[in-house]
Amino acid sequence: MDILLLEKELRKRLAFPYRWHGRQSDKADRMTAFIYRTANFEQLRQKVAALPPEIQHYAYNRWLNFWSAKGVEYLFRQHGNVEAAPDPYNKKVDFTINGIPFDHKTSVFPKAFPHDLSYAQHHKQELIRWLYEQQSQEGRLHFSNRLFLILYNTVQPEHHWKLKAELSFIAEKIAAYLRTFELKNTIRLNFGQGVVFSDIVWIVK
């Protein structure tokens, strides 16, 4: 993967509004499945041109989320203690760190979380539990080991989402996190299906 080229394509998305028309759903996912095969932003624009406006926005958002996530996964795999998941279609495992399987999810700092960034950084277990409990239903629902990359834009708090395109900056944060990674320092939770390990990589700029 050419991470600099991908970053360049993701940055093109930033010129367009980031709007969601309702919650994510399996039906809308099926209507915009072409985003998985379209890494080029101009090609994406051509493919969404004939769709209703709300589905166009949905496709733009899913495209950014998917390709940013692919870039993040690639960045993790560049480190010696990280290996790709044996099954690339396993929705619960993206890679292993020191042999421990993890799914990863990039999320903007949630507006609905009832505390500010400083509180969340000092009480990350509370935020992690909240994120698991708020996760979407249908195909996205699972309680397995997960690393959250939490984005926070200190200059433009209303545009946390734009940090999804900042792959070079995210790479620095991932490298710093992995240098000191130890399972004993992660958060352990139990949602009634056994213990899960989770943690947060803070992407604050």
N, C-alpha and C. Protein backbone atom coordinates (compact mmCIF):
# COMPACT_ATOMS: atom_id res chain seq x y z
N MET A 1 0.85 -1.20 0.00
CA MET A 1 0.00 0.00 0.00
C MET A 1 0.88 1.25 0.00
N ASP A 2 0.56 2.20 -0.87
CA ASP A 2 1.26 3.48 -0.90
C ASP A 2 0.51 4.42 0.06
N ILE A 3 1.02 4.53 1.28
CA ILE A 3 0.28 5.24 2.32
C ILE A 3 0.19 6.73 2.03
N LEU A 4 1.21 7.29 1.39
CA LEU A 4 1.18 8.72 1.06
C LEU A 4 0.15 9.02 -0.04
N LEU A 5 0.04 8.10 -1.01
CA LEU A 5 -0.97 8.26 -2.06
C LEU A 5 -2.36 8.13 -1.47
N LEU A 6 -2.56 7.17 -0.57
CA LEU A 6 -3.86 7.00 0.08
C LEU A 6 -4.21 8.25 0.89
N GLU A 7 -3.25 8.78 1.60
CA GLU A 7 -3.49 10.00 2.37
C GLU A 7 -3.92 11.14 1.46
N LYS A 8 -3.29 11.25 0.30
CA LYS A 8 -3.65 12.28 -0.67
C LYS A 8 -5.09 12.12 -1.13
N GLU A 9 -5.52 10.88 -1.40
CA GLU A 9 -6.90 10.64 -1.82
C GLU A 9 -7.89 10.95 -0.70
N LEU A 10 -7.56 10.56 0.52
CA LEU A 10 -8.45 10.82 1.65
C LEU A 10 -8.63 12.31 1.88
N ARG A 11 -7.57 13.07 1.68
CA ARG A 11 -7.66 14.51 1.89
C ARG A 11 -8.64 15.17 0.91
N LYS A 12 -8.84 14.57 -0.26
CA LYS A 12 -9.78 15.12 -1.23
C LYS A 12 -11.21 15.10 -0.68
N ARG A 13 -11.50 14.14 0.18
CA ARG A 13 -12.83 14.02 0.78
C ARG A 13 -13.14 15.20 1.71
N LEU A 14 -12.14 15.85 2.24
CA LEU A 14 -12.35 16.87 3.27
C LEU A 14 -13.06 18.11 2.76
N ALA A 15 -13.09 18.29 1.46
CA ALA A 15 -13.74 19.48 0.88
C ALA A 15 -15.26 19.35 0.83
N PHE A 16 -15.79 18.16 1.17
CA PHE A 16 -17.23 17.92 1.08
C PHE A 16 -17.81 17.74 2.48
N PRO A 17 -19.08 18.13 2.67
CA PRO A 17 -19.70 18.03 4.00
C PRO A 17 -19.71 16.59 4.52
N TYR A 18 -19.65 16.45 5.83
CA TYR A 18 -19.71 15.15 6.48
C TYR A 18 -21.06 15.04 7.16
N ARG A 19 -22.00 14.41 6.46
CA ARG A 19 -23.37 14.33 6.97
C ARG A 19 -23.84 12.88 7.00
N TRP A 20 -24.56 12.55 8.06
CA TRP A 20 -25.21 11.24 8.15
C TRP A 20 -26.71 11.47 8.16
N HIS A 21 -27.42 10.69 7.36
CA HIS A 21 -28.89 10.76 7.33
C HIS A 21 -29.42 9.51 8.03
N GLY A 22 -29.45 9.55 9.34
CA GLY A 22 -29.87 8.37 10.10
C GLY A 22 -28.68 7.49 10.45
N ARG A 23 -28.96 6.41 11.14
CA ARG A 23 -27.93 5.49 11.60
C ARG A 23 -27.45 4.61 10.45
N GLN A 24 -26.24 4.06 10.63
CA GLN A 24 -25.74 3.10 9.66
C GLN A 24 -26.60 1.84 9.69
N SER A 25 -26.74 1.20 8.53
CA SER A 25 -27.57 0.00 8.45
C SER A 25 -27.02 -0.95 7.41
N ASP A 26 -27.38 -2.21 7.51
CA ASP A 26 -26.93 -3.21 6.54
C ASP A 26 -27.50 -2.91 5.16
N LYS A 27 -28.74 -2.40 5.10
CA LYS A 27 -29.35 -2.10 3.80
C LYS A 27 -28.57 -1.01 3.07
N ALA A 28 -28.25 0.08 3.76
CA ALA A 28 -27.49 1.16 3.13
C ALA A 28 -26.08 0.70 2.78
N ASP A 29 -25.53 -0.19 3.59
CA ASP A 29 -24.21 -0.75 3.28
C ASP A 29 -24.22 -1.49 1.96
N ARG A 30 -25.26 -2.28 1.73
CA ARG A 30 -25.35 -3.03 0.48
C ARG A 30 -25.47 -2.09 -0.72
N MET A 31 -26.16 -0.98 -0.56
CA MET A 31 -26.34 -0.03 -1.66
C MET A 31 -25.03 0.68 -2.02
N THR A 32 -24.10 0.71 -1.09
CA THR A 32 -22.84 1.44 -1.33
C THR A 32 -21.63 0.52 -1.24
N ALA A 33 -21.84 -0.75 -1.55
CA ALA A 33 -20.75 -1.73 -1.43
C ALA A 33 -19.58 -1.45 -2.38
N PHE A 34 -19.83 -0.63 -3.41
CA PHE A 34 -18.76 -0.32 -4.37
C PHE A 34 -17.59 0.44 -3.75
N ILE A 35 -17.79 1.00 -2.56
CA ILE A 35 -16.69 1.76 -1.93
C ILE A 35 -15.49 0.87 -1.64
N TYR A 36 -15.73 -0.44 -1.46
CA TYR A 36 -14.64 -1.37 -1.16
C TYR A 36 -13.70 -1.54 -2.35
N ARG A 37 -14.20 -1.27 -3.55
CA ARG A 37 -13.41 -1.48 -4.77
C ARG A 37 -12.95 -0.16 -5.39
N THR A 38 -13.12 0.93 -4.66
CA THR A 38 -12.85 2.25 -5.23
C THR A 38 -11.96 3.05 -4.30
N ALA A 39 -10.67 3.02 -4.55
CA ALA A 39 -9.74 3.77 -3.71
C ALA A 39 -9.55 5.20 -4.18
N ASN A 40 -9.87 5.46 -5.44
CA ASN A 40 -9.69 6.79 -6.04
C ASN A 40 -10.92 7.65 -5.79
N PHE A 41 -10.72 8.86 -5.25
CA PHE A 41 -11.86 9.69 -4.88
C PHE A 41 -12.64 10.19 -6.08
N GLU A 42 -11.97 10.51 -7.18
CA GLU A 42 -12.68 10.98 -8.37
C GLU A 42 -13.57 9.88 -8.94
N GLN A 43 -13.09 8.65 -8.92
CA GLN A 43 -13.92 7.53 -9.36
C GLN A 43 -15.12 7.35 -8.45
N LEU A 44 -14.92 7.56 -7.17
CA LEU A 44 -16.03 7.48 -6.22
C LEU A 44 -17.10 8.51 -6.57
N ARG A 45 -16.68 9.73 -6.86
CA ARG A 45 -17.64 10.78 -7.19
C ARG A 45 -18.47 10.40 -8.42
N GLN A 46 -17.85 9.77 -9.38
CA GLN A 46 -18.58 9.34 -10.58
C GLN A 46 -19.61 8.26 -10.24
N LYS A 47 -19.25 7.37 -9.35
CA LYS A 47 -20.15 6.26 -9.01
C LYS A 47 -21.35 6.70 -8.18
N VAL A 48 -21.20 7.75 -7.39
CA VAL A 48 -22.31 8.18 -6.54
C VAL A 48 -23.21 9.22 -7.21
N ALA A 49 -22.81 9.70 -8.38
CA ALA A 49 -23.50 10.82 -9.02
C ALA A 49 -24.99 10.58 -9.23
N ALA A 50 -25.39 9.34 -9.53
CA ALA A 50 -26.79 9.05 -9.83
C ALA A 50 -27.60 8.64 -8.60
N LEU A 51 -26.98 8.62 -7.45
CA LEU A 51 -27.66 8.19 -6.23
C LEU A 51 -28.37 9.35 -5.54
N PRO A 52 -29.39 9.07 -4.72
CA PRO A 52 -30.04 10.14 -3.96
C PRO A 52 -29.02 10.83 -3.04
N PRO A 53 -29.21 12.11 -2.73
CA PRO A 53 -28.24 12.86 -1.93
C PRO A 53 -27.87 12.18 -0.61
N GLU A 54 -28.87 11.62 0.08
CA GLU A 54 -28.56 11.01 1.37
C GLU A 54 -27.66 9.78 1.21
N ILE A 55 -27.82 9.05 0.10
CA ILE A 55 -26.97 7.88 -0.14
C ILE A 55 -25.59 8.33 -0.63
N GLN A 56 -25.53 9.43 -1.33
CA GLN A 56 -24.22 9.98 -1.72
C GLN A 56 -23.40 10.31 -0.48
N HIS A 57 -24.02 11.01 0.47
CA HIS A 57 -23.32 11.34 1.71
C HIS A 57 -22.89 10.07 2.45
N TYR A 58 -23.79 9.10 2.47
CA TYR A 58 -23.49 7.83 3.13
C TYR A 58 -22.28 7.17 2.48
N ALA A 59 -22.23 7.17 1.15
CA ALA A 59 -21.12 6.56 0.43
C ALA A 59 -19.81 7.31 0.69
N TYR A 60 -19.85 8.63 0.67
CA TYR A 60 -18.65 9.42 0.96
C TYR A 60 -18.11 9.09 2.35
N ASN A 61 -19.01 9.00 3.33
CA ASN A 61 -18.59 8.74 4.70
C ASN A 61 -18.04 7.32 4.87
N ARG A 62 -18.73 6.36 4.26
CA ARG A 62 -18.25 4.98 4.35
C ARG A 62 -16.91 4.83 3.65
N TRP A 63 -16.75 5.50 2.52
CA TRP A 63 -15.49 5.45 1.78
C TRP A 63 -14.35 5.97 2.65
N LEU A 64 -14.54 7.12 3.27
CA LEU A 64 -13.52 7.69 4.15
C LEU A 64 -13.22 6.75 5.30
N ASN A 65 -14.26 6.25 5.93
CA ASN A 65 -14.07 5.36 7.08
C ASN A 65 -13.33 4.08 6.69
N PHE A 66 -13.74 3.49 5.57
CA PHE A 66 -13.15 2.21 5.15
C PHE A 66 -11.69 2.37 4.76
N TRP A 67 -11.38 3.35 3.89
CA TRP A 67 -10.01 3.48 3.41
C TRP A 67 -9.08 4.04 4.46
N SER A 68 -9.60 4.86 5.35
CA SER A 68 -8.78 5.30 6.48
C SER A 68 -8.46 4.10 7.37
N ALA A 69 -9.46 3.25 7.61
CA ALA A 69 -9.24 2.05 8.43
C ALA A 69 -8.23 1.11 7.78
N LYS A 70 -8.30 0.96 6.45
CA LYS A 70 -7.31 0.12 5.76
C LYS A 70 -5.91 0.70 5.93
N GLY A 71 -5.82 2.02 5.85
CA GLY A 71 -4.52 2.65 6.06
C GLY A 71 -4.02 2.45 7.47
N VAL A 72 -4.89 2.59 8.46
CA VAL A 72 -4.51 2.39 9.85
C VAL A 72 -4.05 0.96 10.08
N GLU A 73 -4.78 0.00 9.53
CA GLU A 73 -4.40 -1.41 9.67
C GLU A 73 -3.02 -1.64 9.07
N TYR A 74 -2.75 -1.06 7.92
CA TYR A 74 -1.44 -1.18 7.28
C TYR A 74 -0.36 -0.58 8.18
N LEU A 75 -0.63 0.57 8.77
CA LEU A 75 0.35 1.21 9.64
C LEU A 75 0.68 0.34 10.85
N PHE A 76 -0.31 -0.30 11.43
CA PHE A 76 -0.05 -1.22 12.54
C PHE A 76 0.86 -2.36 12.09
N ARG A 77 0.59 -2.90 10.90
CA ARG A 77 1.32 -4.08 10.45
C ARG A 77 2.78 -3.79 10.10
N GLN A 78 3.17 -2.54 10.06
CA GLN A 78 4.56 -2.21 9.77
C GLN A 78 5.47 -2.42 10.98
N HIS A 79 4.89 -2.76 12.11
CA HIS A 79 5.67 -2.94 13.34
C HIS A 79 5.91 -4.41 13.63
N GLY A 80 7.07 -4.70 14.18
CA GLY A 80 7.50 -6.08 14.36
C GLY A 80 6.64 -6.92 15.29
N ASN A 81 5.97 -6.29 16.23
CA ASN A 81 5.13 -7.06 17.16
C ASN A 81 3.69 -7.18 16.70
N VAL A 82 3.42 -6.77 15.45
CA VAL A 82 2.06 -6.84 14.90
C VAL A 82 2.04 -7.75 13.69
N GLU A 83 1.04 -8.63 13.62
CA GLU A 83 0.86 -9.51 12.47
C GLU A 83 -0.57 -9.42 11.98
N ALA A 84 -0.74 -9.55 10.67
CA ALA A 84 -2.09 -9.52 10.09
C ALA A 84 -2.90 -10.71 10.58
N ALA A 85 -4.21 -10.55 10.62
CA ALA A 85 -5.09 -11.65 11.01
C ALA A 85 -4.98 -12.78 9.99
N PRO A 86 -4.93 -14.04 10.43
CA PRO A 86 -4.85 -15.16 9.49
C PRO A 86 -6.01 -15.20 8.50
N ASP A 87 -7.20 -14.80 8.98
CA ASP A 87 -8.38 -14.77 8.12
C ASP A 87 -8.76 -13.32 7.84
N PRO A 88 -8.52 -12.81 6.62
CA PRO A 88 -8.80 -11.40 6.32
C PRO A 88 -10.29 -11.06 6.36
N TYR A 89 -11.16 -12.08 6.39
CA TYR A 89 -12.60 -11.84 6.41
C TYR A 89 -13.18 -11.91 7.83
N ASN A 90 -12.32 -12.12 8.81
CA ASN A 90 -12.77 -12.18 10.19
C ASN A 90 -13.09 -10.77 10.68
N LYS A 91 -14.36 -10.49 10.96
CA LYS A 91 -14.78 -9.15 11.36
C LYS A 91 -14.37 -8.80 12.79
N LYS A 92 -13.91 -9.81 13.55
CA LYS A 92 -13.56 -9.57 14.94
C LYS A 92 -12.06 -9.41 15.16
N VAL A 93 -11.25 -9.67 14.13
CA VAL A 93 -9.80 -9.59 14.28
C VAL A 93 -9.18 -8.93 13.05
N ASP A 94 -8.50 -7.82 13.25
CA ASP A 94 -7.77 -7.16 12.16
C ASP A 94 -6.29 -7.54 12.17
N PHE A 95 -5.75 -7.71 13.39
CA PHE A 95 -4.34 -8.05 13.53
C PHE A 95 -4.09 -8.54 14.96
N THR A 96 -2.89 -9.05 15.20
CA THR A 96 -2.50 -9.42 16.55
C THR A 96 -1.33 -8.54 16.99
N ILE A 97 -1.30 -8.21 18.27
CA ILE A 97 -0.17 -7.49 18.87
C ILE A 97 0.41 -8.40 19.94
N ASN A 98 1.66 -8.75 19.79
CA ASN A 98 2.29 -9.71 20.70
C ASN A 98 1.46 -11.00 20.79
N GLY A 99 0.85 -11.37 19.68
CA GLY A 99 0.06 -12.60 19.62
C GLY A 99 -1.37 -12.46 20.10
N ILE A 100 -1.76 -11.29 20.59
CA ILE A 100 -3.12 -11.06 21.10
C ILE A 100 -3.98 -10.47 19.98
N PRO A 101 -5.11 -11.11 19.65
CA PRO A 101 -5.96 -10.61 18.55
C PRO A 101 -6.71 -9.34 18.92
N PHE A 102 -6.79 -8.41 17.98
CA PHE A 102 -7.55 -7.17 18.18
C PHE A 102 -8.29 -6.79 16.90
N ASP A 103 -9.48 -6.26 17.10
CA ASP A 103 -10.19 -5.49 16.09
C ASP A 103 -9.81 -4.04 16.37
N HIS A 104 -9.79 -3.19 15.35
CA HIS A 104 -9.55 -1.78 15.62
C HIS A 104 -10.68 -0.95 15.05
N LYS A 105 -10.96 0.15 15.72
CA LYS A 105 -12.03 1.04 15.27
C LYS A 105 -11.60 2.48 15.50
N THR A 106 -11.67 3.28 14.44
CA THR A 106 -11.38 4.69 14.54
C THR A 106 -12.68 5.45 14.77
N SER A 107 -12.72 6.27 15.81
CA SER A 107 -13.93 7.01 16.14
C SER A 107 -13.58 8.43 16.53
N VAL A 108 -14.44 9.37 16.12
CA VAL A 108 -14.28 10.73 16.62
C VAL A 108 -14.68 10.74 18.09
N PHE A 109 -14.17 11.71 18.84
CA PHE A 109 -14.57 11.82 20.24
C PHE A 109 -16.07 12.05 20.29
N PRO A 110 -16.81 11.18 20.96
CA PRO A 110 -18.28 11.23 20.88
C PRO A 110 -18.89 12.42 21.62
N LYS A 111 -19.74 13.16 20.92
CA LYS A 111 -20.42 14.30 21.53
C LYS A 111 -21.33 13.85 22.67
N ALA A 112 -21.89 12.66 22.54
CA ALA A 112 -22.85 12.19 23.54
C ALA A 112 -22.19 11.71 24.83
N PHE A 113 -20.88 11.50 24.81
CA PHE A 113 -20.20 11.10 26.05
C PHE A 113 -20.30 12.26 27.03
N PRO A 114 -20.77 12.00 28.26
CA PRO A 114 -21.10 13.12 29.17
C PRO A 114 -19.91 13.77 29.87
N HIS A 115 -18.73 13.70 29.28
CA HIS A 115 -17.55 14.32 29.89
C HIS A 115 -16.64 14.84 28.78
N ASP A 116 -15.67 15.69 29.16
CA ASP A 116 -14.78 16.26 28.16
C ASP A 116 -13.56 15.37 27.92
N LEU A 117 -12.69 15.84 27.03
CA LEU A 117 -11.52 15.05 26.64
C LEU A 117 -10.62 14.75 27.83
N SER A 118 -10.35 15.76 28.64
CA SER A 118 -9.45 15.57 29.78
C SER A 118 -9.97 14.48 30.71
N TYR A 119 -11.26 14.52 31.01
CA TYR A 119 -11.86 13.49 31.87
C TYR A 119 -11.71 12.11 31.23
N ALA A 120 -12.00 12.04 29.93
CA ALA A 120 -11.94 10.75 29.23
C ALA A 120 -10.53 10.18 29.25
N GLN A 121 -9.52 11.03 29.10
CA GLN A 121 -8.15 10.54 29.09
C GLN A 121 -7.73 10.02 30.45
N HIS A 122 -8.34 10.54 31.50
CA HIS A 122 -8.01 10.08 32.85
C HIS A 122 -8.95 8.97 33.33
N HIS A 123 -10.01 8.70 32.57
CA HIS A 123 -10.97 7.65 32.93
C HIS A 123 -11.31 6.85 31.66
N LYS A 124 -10.28 6.34 31.01
CA LYS A 124 -10.51 5.71 29.71
C LYS A 124 -11.36 4.45 29.80
N GLN A 125 -11.35 3.76 30.95
CA GLN A 125 -12.20 2.59 31.08
C GLN A 125 -13.66 2.97 30.93
N GLU A 126 -14.03 4.11 31.48
CA GLU A 126 -15.42 4.58 31.39
C GLU A 126 -15.80 4.86 29.94
N LEU A 127 -14.90 5.51 29.19
CA LEU A 127 -15.17 5.79 27.79
C LEU A 127 -15.22 4.51 26.97
N ILE A 128 -14.30 3.59 27.21
CA ILE A 128 -14.28 2.33 26.46
C ILE A 128 -15.57 1.56 26.67
N ARG A 129 -16.00 1.44 27.91
CA ARG A 129 -17.27 0.74 28.18
C ARG A 129 -18.41 1.43 27.45
N TRP A 130 -18.44 2.74 27.48
CA TRP A 130 -19.50 3.51 26.81
C TRP A 130 -19.47 3.23 25.31
N LEU A 131 -18.28 3.18 24.69
CA LEU A 131 -18.16 2.94 23.26
C LEU A 131 -18.67 1.55 22.88
N TYR A 132 -18.32 0.54 23.68
CA TYR A 132 -18.84 -0.80 23.41
C TYR A 132 -20.36 -0.83 23.50
N GLU A 133 -20.90 -0.18 24.50
CA GLU A 133 -22.35 -0.23 24.71
C GLU A 133 -23.11 0.57 23.66
N GLN A 134 -22.46 1.54 23.04
CA GLN A 134 -23.12 2.38 22.04
C GLN A 134 -22.92 1.88 20.61
N GLN A 135 -22.12 0.83 20.42
CA GLN A 135 -21.81 0.37 19.07
C GLN A 135 -23.08 -0.01 18.32
N SER A 136 -23.01 0.12 16.99
CA SER A 136 -24.16 -0.19 16.14
C SER A 136 -24.55 -1.66 16.28
N GLN A 137 -25.78 -1.93 15.93
CA GLN A 137 -26.29 -3.30 15.97
C GLN A 137 -26.01 -3.97 14.62
N GLU A 138 -26.78 -4.98 14.30
CA GLU A 138 -26.68 -5.75 13.07
C GLU A 138 -25.26 -6.29 12.90
N GLY A 139 -24.66 -6.12 11.72
CA GLY A 139 -23.39 -6.76 11.43
C GLY A 139 -22.21 -6.22 12.20
N ARG A 140 -22.36 -5.07 12.88
CA ARG A 140 -21.23 -4.47 13.57
C ARG A 140 -21.13 -4.87 15.04
N LEU A 141 -22.14 -5.53 15.55
CA LEU A 141 -22.20 -5.82 16.98
C LEU A 141 -21.30 -6.98 17.35
N HIS A 142 -20.33 -6.73 18.21
CA HIS A 142 -19.57 -7.83 18.81
C HIS A 142 -18.81 -7.31 20.02
N PHE A 143 -18.55 -8.21 20.95
CA PHE A 143 -17.80 -7.88 22.15
C PHE A 143 -16.53 -8.72 22.15
N SER A 144 -15.54 -8.25 21.41
CA SER A 144 -14.24 -8.90 21.32
C SER A 144 -13.17 -7.85 21.59
N ASN A 145 -11.91 -8.30 21.66
CA ASN A 145 -10.81 -7.36 21.92
C ASN A 145 -10.82 -6.25 20.88
N ARG A 146 -10.68 -5.02 21.33
CA ARG A 146 -10.74 -3.91 20.38
C ARG A 146 -9.82 -2.77 20.82
N LEU A 147 -9.12 -2.21 19.84
CA LEU A 147 -8.37 -0.97 20.04
C LEU A 147 -9.15 0.17 19.41
N PHE A 148 -9.41 1.20 20.18
CA PHE A 148 -10.09 2.39 19.67
C PHE A 148 -9.06 3.47 19.38
N LEU A 149 -9.10 4.03 18.18
CA LEU A 149 -8.35 5.24 17.87
C LEU A 149 -9.35 6.39 17.98
N ILE A 150 -9.15 7.24 18.97
CA ILE A 150 -10.10 8.33 19.23
C ILE A 150 -9.52 9.64 18.71
N LEU A 151 -10.26 10.26 17.79
CA LEU A 151 -9.80 11.47 17.13
C LEU A 151 -10.34 12.71 17.83
N TYR A 152 -9.44 13.67 18.06
CA TYR A 152 -9.87 14.93 18.68
C TYR A 152 -9.11 16.08 18.05
N ASN A 153 -9.83 16.96 17.39
CA ASN A 153 -9.26 18.13 16.74
C ASN A 153 -9.39 19.32 17.69
N THR A 154 -8.28 19.75 18.30
CA THR A 154 -8.34 20.82 19.29
C THR A 154 -8.60 22.19 18.66
N VAL A 155 -8.24 22.34 17.39
CA VAL A 155 -8.42 23.61 16.70
C VAL A 155 -9.85 23.76 16.19
N GLN A 156 -10.38 22.67 15.62
CA GLN A 156 -11.75 22.67 15.09
C GLN A 156 -12.51 21.47 15.66
N PRO A 157 -12.99 21.56 16.89
CA PRO A 157 -13.66 20.42 17.52
C PRO A 157 -14.84 19.87 16.73
N GLU A 158 -15.44 20.72 15.89
CA GLU A 158 -16.58 20.25 15.08
C GLU A 158 -16.10 19.43 13.89
N HIS A 159 -14.79 19.33 13.69
CA HIS A 159 -14.24 18.60 12.55
C HIS A 159 -13.26 17.51 12.98
N HIS A 160 -13.58 16.83 14.06
CA HIS A 160 -12.73 15.70 14.48
C HIS A 160 -12.54 14.71 13.33
N TRP A 161 -13.61 14.52 12.55
CA TRP A 161 -13.61 13.51 11.49
C TRP A 161 -12.50 13.72 10.46
N LYS A 162 -12.06 14.96 10.29
CA LYS A 162 -11.04 15.23 9.28
C LYS A 162 -9.70 14.57 9.60
N LEU A 163 -9.48 14.24 10.85
CA LEU A 163 -8.24 13.57 11.23
C LEU A 163 -8.15 12.16 10.66
N LYS A 164 -9.25 11.62 10.17
CA LYS A 164 -9.21 10.30 9.54
C LYS A 164 -8.30 10.29 8.31
N ALA A 165 -8.11 11.46 7.71
CA ALA A 165 -7.26 11.57 6.53
C ALA A 165 -5.79 11.79 6.89
N GLU A 166 -5.49 12.06 8.16
CA GLU A 166 -4.13 12.41 8.57
C GLU A 166 -3.32 11.16 8.89
N LEU A 167 -3.08 10.33 7.87
CA LEU A 167 -2.43 9.04 8.11
C LEU A 167 -0.99 9.19 8.59
N SER A 168 -0.27 10.19 8.13
CA SER A 168 1.11 10.38 8.57
C SER A 168 1.14 10.71 10.07
N PHE A 169 0.22 11.55 10.51
CA PHE A 169 0.14 11.90 11.92
C PHE A 169 -0.30 10.69 12.75
N ILE A 170 -1.28 9.96 12.25
CA ILE A 170 -1.74 8.76 12.95
C ILE A 170 -0.61 7.75 13.08
N ALA A 171 0.23 7.66 12.05
CA ALA A 171 1.36 6.72 12.08
C ALA A 171 2.27 7.00 13.27
N GLU A 172 2.50 8.26 13.58
CA GLU A 172 3.35 8.63 14.71
C GLU A 172 2.73 8.17 16.02
N LYS A 173 1.44 8.34 16.16
CA LYS A 173 0.75 7.96 17.40
C LYS A 173 0.73 6.44 17.58
N ILE A 174 0.54 5.72 16.47
CA ILE A 174 0.55 4.25 16.54
C ILE A 174 1.93 3.75 16.95
N ALA A 175 2.97 4.31 16.35
CA ALA A 175 4.33 3.90 16.68
C ALA A 175 4.63 4.13 18.16
N ALA A 176 4.23 5.30 18.68
CA ALA A 176 4.46 5.60 20.09
C ALA A 176 3.70 4.64 20.99
N TYR A 177 2.48 4.30 20.61
CA TYR A 177 1.67 3.37 21.42
C TYR A 177 2.30 1.98 21.45
N LEU A 178 2.72 1.49 20.30
CA LEU A 178 3.25 0.13 20.22
C LEU A 178 4.60 -0.03 20.90
N ARG A 179 5.36 1.04 21.01
CA ARG A 179 6.67 0.95 21.66
C ARG A 179 6.55 0.54 23.12
N THR A 180 5.42 0.86 23.75
CA THR A 180 5.26 0.55 25.17
C THR A 180 4.09 -0.41 25.43
N PHE A 181 3.61 -1.07 24.37
CA PHE A 181 2.43 -1.93 24.53
C PHE A 181 2.72 -3.12 25.43
N GLU A 182 1.85 -3.31 26.41
CA GLU A 182 1.85 -4.52 27.25
C GLU A 182 0.40 -4.84 27.57
N LEU A 183 0.05 -6.10 27.48
CA LEU A 183 -1.33 -6.50 27.70
C LEU A 183 -1.81 -6.10 29.09
N LYS A 184 -0.93 -6.14 30.06
CA LYS A 184 -1.32 -5.81 31.44
C LYS A 184 -1.78 -4.36 31.58
N ASN A 185 -1.40 -3.51 30.63
CA ASN A 185 -1.79 -2.10 30.70
C ASN A 185 -3.10 -1.80 29.97
N THR A 186 -3.69 -2.81 29.33
CA THR A 186 -4.96 -2.59 28.64
C THR A 186 -6.11 -2.68 29.64
N ILE A 187 -7.30 -2.32 29.19
CA ILE A 187 -8.50 -2.36 30.01
C ILE A 187 -9.20 -3.70 29.83
N ARG A 188 -9.58 -4.33 30.93
CA ARG A 188 -10.31 -5.60 30.88
C ARG A 188 -11.77 -5.35 31.23
N LEU A 189 -12.66 -5.87 30.38
CA LEU A 189 -14.09 -5.71 30.58
C LEU A 189 -14.79 -7.04 30.36
N ASN A 190 -15.95 -7.18 30.96
CA ASN A 190 -16.75 -8.39 30.76
C ASN A 190 -18.19 -7.97 30.54
N PHE A 191 -18.70 -8.28 29.34
CA PHE A 191 -20.08 -7.95 29.00
C PHE A 191 -20.99 -9.18 29.07
N GLY A 192 -20.54 -10.18 29.81
CA GLY A 192 -21.32 -11.39 29.97
C GLY A 192 -20.95 -12.49 29.01
N GLN A 193 -19.92 -12.24 28.16
CA GLN A 193 -19.47 -13.23 27.19
C GLN A 193 -17.99 -13.54 27.36
N GLY A 194 -17.47 -13.28 28.55
CA GLY A 194 -16.05 -13.49 28.81
C GLY A 194 -15.28 -12.18 28.80
N VAL A 195 -14.05 -12.23 29.24
CA VAL A 195 -13.22 -11.03 29.35
C VAL A 195 -12.75 -10.57 27.97
N VAL A 196 -12.82 -9.27 27.73
CA VAL A 196 -12.25 -8.67 26.51
C VAL A 196 -11.19 -7.66 26.94
N PHE A 197 -10.18 -7.51 26.08
CA PHE A 197 -9.12 -6.55 26.32
C PHE A 197 -9.31 -5.39 25.35
N SER A 198 -9.16 -4.17 25.87
CA SER A 198 -9.36 -3.01 25.03
C SER A 198 -8.44 -1.88 25.49
N ASP A 199 -8.25 -0.92 24.59
CA ASP A 199 -7.43 0.24 24.93
C ASP A 199 -7.73 1.36 23.94
N ILE A 200 -7.17 2.53 24.22
CA ILE A 200 -7.36 3.70 23.37
C ILE A 200 -6.02 4.23 22.89
N VAL A 201 -5.93 4.50 21.60
CA VAL A 201 -4.82 5.25 21.03
C VAL A 201 -5.36 6.66 20.77
N TRP A 202 -4.87 7.64 21.49
CA TRP A 202 -5.38 8.99 21.36
C TRP A 202 -4.76 9.70 20.16
N ILE A 203 -5.59 10.16 19.24
CA ILE A 203 -5.15 10.91 18.06
C ILE A 203 -5.62 12.35 18.27
N VAL A 204 -4.86 13.11 19.01
CA VAL A 204 -5.24 14.47 19.39
C VAL A 204 -4.29 15.45 18.70
N LYS A 205 -4.87 16.39 17.97
CA LYS A 205 -4.07 17.34 17.22
C LYS A 205 -4.66 18.74 17.31
